[in-house]
Protein backbone atom coordinates (compact mmCIF):
# COMPACT_ATOMS: atom_id res chain seq x y z
CA UNK A 1 -186.72 79.50 34.59
CA UNK A 2 -189.67 77.72 32.97
CA UNK A 3 -191.19 81.11 32.16
CA UNK A 4 -188.05 82.04 30.19
CA UNK A 5 -188.42 78.92 28.04
CA UNK A 6 -192.12 79.59 27.50
CA UNK A 7 -191.41 83.17 26.43
CA UNK A 8 -188.73 81.98 24.00
CA UNK A 9 -191.07 79.37 22.53
CA UNK A 10 -193.82 81.95 22.06
CA UNK A 11 -191.42 84.21 20.20
CA UNK A 12 -190.26 81.35 17.99
CA UNK A 13 -193.91 80.71 17.11
CA UNK A 14 -194.47 84.39 16.32
CA UNK A 15 -191.38 84.43 14.11
CA UNK A 16 -192.57 81.32 12.29
CA UNK A 17 -195.93 82.98 11.58
CA UNK A 18 -194.13 86.01 10.15
CA UNK A 19 -191.96 83.76 7.97
CA UNK A 20 -195.09 82.05 6.64
CA UNK A 21 -196.74 85.42 6.01
CA UNK A 22 -193.67 86.57 4.08
CA UNK A 23 -193.69 83.41 1.99
CA UNK A 24 -197.37 83.92 1.23
CA UNK A 25 -196.82 87.51 0.15
CA UNK A 26 -193.87 86.57 -2.07
CA UNK A 27 -196.06 83.83 -3.53
CA UNK A 28 -198.59 86.50 -4.46
CA UNK A 29 -195.78 88.55 -6.05
CA UNK A 30 -196.30 91.28 -3.44
CA UNK A 31 -192.62 91.88 -2.88
CA UNK A 32 -193.05 95.06 -0.85
CA UNK A 33 -195.30 93.33 1.69
CA UNK A 34 -193.12 90.21 1.54
CA UNK A 35 -190.04 92.25 2.38
CA UNK A 36 -191.88 93.92 5.25
CA UNK A 37 -192.93 90.53 6.65
CA UNK A 38 -189.41 89.17 6.13
CA UNK A 39 -187.87 92.02 8.08
CA UNK A 40 -190.38 91.52 10.87
CA UNK A 41 -189.64 87.79 10.89
CA UNK A 42 -185.91 88.46 11.06
CA UNK A 43 -186.33 90.76 14.05
CA UNK A 44 -188.59 88.26 15.81
CA UNK A 45 -186.18 85.40 15.08
CA UNK A 46 -183.29 87.33 16.58
CA UNK A 47 -185.36 88.13 19.67
CA UNK A 48 -186.42 84.49 20.01
CA UNK A 49 -182.80 83.35 19.68
CA UNK A 50 -181.67 85.77 22.38
CA UNK A 51 -184.45 84.58 24.67
CA UNK A 52 -183.54 80.94 24.03
CA UNK A 53 -179.93 81.66 24.94
CA UNK A 54 -181.06 83.43 28.12
CA UNK A 55 -183.35 80.54 29.07
CA UNK A 56 -180.55 78.05 28.45
CA UNK A 57 -178.11 80.07 30.55
CA UNK A 58 -180.63 80.21 33.41
CA UNK A 59 -181.17 76.44 33.16
CA UNK A 60 -177.47 75.70 33.29
CA UNK A 61 -176.94 78.09 36.20
CA UNK A 62 -179.77 76.48 38.15
CA UNK A 63 -178.26 73.00 37.70
CA UNK A 64 -174.91 74.15 39.09
């Protein structure tokens, strides 16, 4: 169970890095690279969200 939370946290961190990279690219007016980073960040955010939901479900199931 703890491993599921750790994995989710790692993916949230990776998504945050991609969001920052996208912001940096947009700040440099490199919209093509910014869009690429944004799409990567979106995918990573969705994955992190799914993993968080899975970790939460496992935690609740273990308590019951």
